[in-house]
Amino acid sequence: MERFFEAWVESLADGVSRRIGAVLRAGRTEATRVPLNWEPRGGGGLRSLLPDLVLARSDRTIVIDAKYKPHGEELGIRGGWTWSSVRCRWGCPRSGAGRR
């Protein structure tokens, strides 16, 4: 289910990238890997970050690390977040946009 969710988020990001004129890079192809340089050397064991998606254009970079949580629907029932409360400021695609 996690891979399906990440693929779904990538398809949404693809639609957004087209609408805002950004380049979409995907972690599944290693295109988003960022090396970490610790100061002082040896200060950390993590050598790089690999976010799922990066939307980039000249004035803005958006980093997305999608995580599927099977209890997400329960959060909405308890009065937490709901899908209808999520807003997009960059012109999110309408249903079906971003499909190839």
Protein backbone atom coordinates (compact mmCIF):
# COMPACT_ATOMS: atom_id res chain seq x y z
CA MET A 1 0.00 0.00 0.00
CA GLU A 2 2.93 2.34 0.72
CA ARG A 3 4.18 2.13 -2.89
CA PHE A 4 0.69 2.71 -4.25
CA PHE A 5 0.30 5.79 -2.05
CA GLU A 6 3.69 7.18 -3.10
CA ALA A 7 2.80 6.61 -6.79
CA TRP A 8 -0.50 8.41 -6.25
CA VAL A 9 1.26 11.37 -4.61
CA GLU A 10 3.73 11.42 -7.52
CA SER A 11 0.87 11.59 -10.04
CA LEU A 12 -0.61 14.56 -8.13
CA ALA A 13 2.80 16.25 -8.00
CA ASP A 14 3.17 15.67 -11.75
CA GLY A 15 -0.04 17.57 -12.39
CA VAL A 16 1.00 20.39 -10.04
CA SER A 17 4.45 20.63 -11.65
CA ARG A 18 2.88 21.07 -15.09
CA ARG A 19 0.53 23.79 -13.84
CA ILE A 20 3.19 25.81 -12.02
CA GLY A 21 5.99 25.26 -14.55
CA ALA A 22 8.23 23.21 -12.27
CA VAL A 23 10.47 20.24 -12.93
CA LEU A 24 9.48 17.07 -11.07
CA ARG A 25 12.23 14.72 -9.86
CA ALA A 26 11.47 11.37 -8.21
CA GLY A 27 13.36 9.57 -5.49
CA ARG A 28 12.51 6.17 -6.99
CA THR A 29 15.02 7.04 -9.75
CA GLU A 30 17.59 8.41 -7.24
CA ALA A 31 17.13 11.87 -8.82
CA THR A 32 16.45 13.56 -5.47
CA ARG A 33 19.36 12.23 -3.39
CA VAL A 34 21.16 15.00 -1.46
CA PRO A 35 24.50 14.22 0.22
CA LEU A 36 25.02 15.40 3.78
CA ASN A 37 28.34 16.86 4.90
CA TRP A 38 28.59 16.78 8.68
CA GLU A 39 30.67 19.35 10.54
CA PRO A 40 32.70 18.21 12.35
CA ARG A 41 33.34 15.14 10.21
CA GLY A 42 31.95 11.95 11.67
CA GLY A 43 29.24 13.88 13.51
CA GLY A 44 26.45 11.87 11.96
CA GLY A 45 25.90 8.45 10.48
CA LEU A 46 23.40 9.52 7.83
CA ARG A 47 25.24 10.18 4.57
CA SER A 48 22.35 11.45 2.41
CA LEU A 49 18.66 12.28 2.23
CA LEU A 50 16.36 10.76 -0.38
CA PRO A 51 12.98 12.53 -0.44
CA ASP A 52 10.26 10.94 -2.57
CA LEU A 53 9.70 13.99 -4.79
CA VAL A 54 11.16 17.41 -5.52
CA LEU A 55 9.34 20.10 -7.49
CA ALA A 56 11.80 22.76 -8.60
CA ARG A 57 11.58 26.01 -10.48
CA SER A 58 13.76 29.12 -10.46
CA ASP A 59 12.02 30.80 -7.50
CA ARG A 60 10.92 27.85 -5.37
CA THR A 61 11.75 24.28 -4.42
CA ILE A 62 9.16 22.01 -2.85
CA VAL A 63 10.33 18.79 -1.18
CA ILE A 64 7.78 16.02 -0.64
CA ASP A 65 8.33 12.92 1.46
CA ALA A 66 5.10 10.95 1.21
CA LYS A 67 4.21 8.58 4.04
CA TYR A 68 1.23 6.27 4.05
CA LYS A 69 -0.37 5.83 7.45
CA PRO A 70 -3.11 3.19 7.59
CA HIS A 71 -4.84 4.98 10.47
CA GLY A 72 -5.25 8.23 8.49
CA GLU A 73 -8.99 7.80 7.97
CA GLU A 74 -9.47 7.35 11.71
CA LEU A 75 -7.88 10.76 12.31
CA GLY A 76 -10.66 12.39 10.30
CA ILE A 77 -13.31 10.56 12.25
CA ARG A 78 -11.86 11.80 15.54
CA GLY A 79 -11.96 15.42 14.42
CA GLY A 80 -8.40 15.65 13.10
CA TRP A 81 -7.45 16.52 9.56
CA THR A 82 -9.61 15.54 6.60
CA TRP A 83 -8.86 15.46 2.88
CA SER A 84 -11.33 18.31 2.37
CA SER A 85 -9.26 20.49 4.72
CA VAL A 86 -6.14 20.23 2.53
CA ARG A 87 -5.63 23.32 0.37
CA CYS A 88 -3.21 23.87 -2.45
CA ARG A 89 -1.78 27.33 -3.09
CA TRP A 90 -0.16 26.51 -6.45
CA GLY A 91 -3.15 25.56 -8.57
CA CYS A 92 -3.61 21.86 -7.81
CA PRO A 93 -4.77 19.73 -10.70
CA ARG A 94 -8.39 18.78 -11.02
CA SER A 95 -9.40 15.13 -10.84
CA GLY A 96 -7.71 13.15 -13.60
CA ALA A 97 -5.02 15.74 -14.32
CA GLY A 98 -1.50 14.44 -14.30
CA ARG A 99 -2.48 11.06 -15.76
CA ARG A 100 -0.46 9.88 -18.70
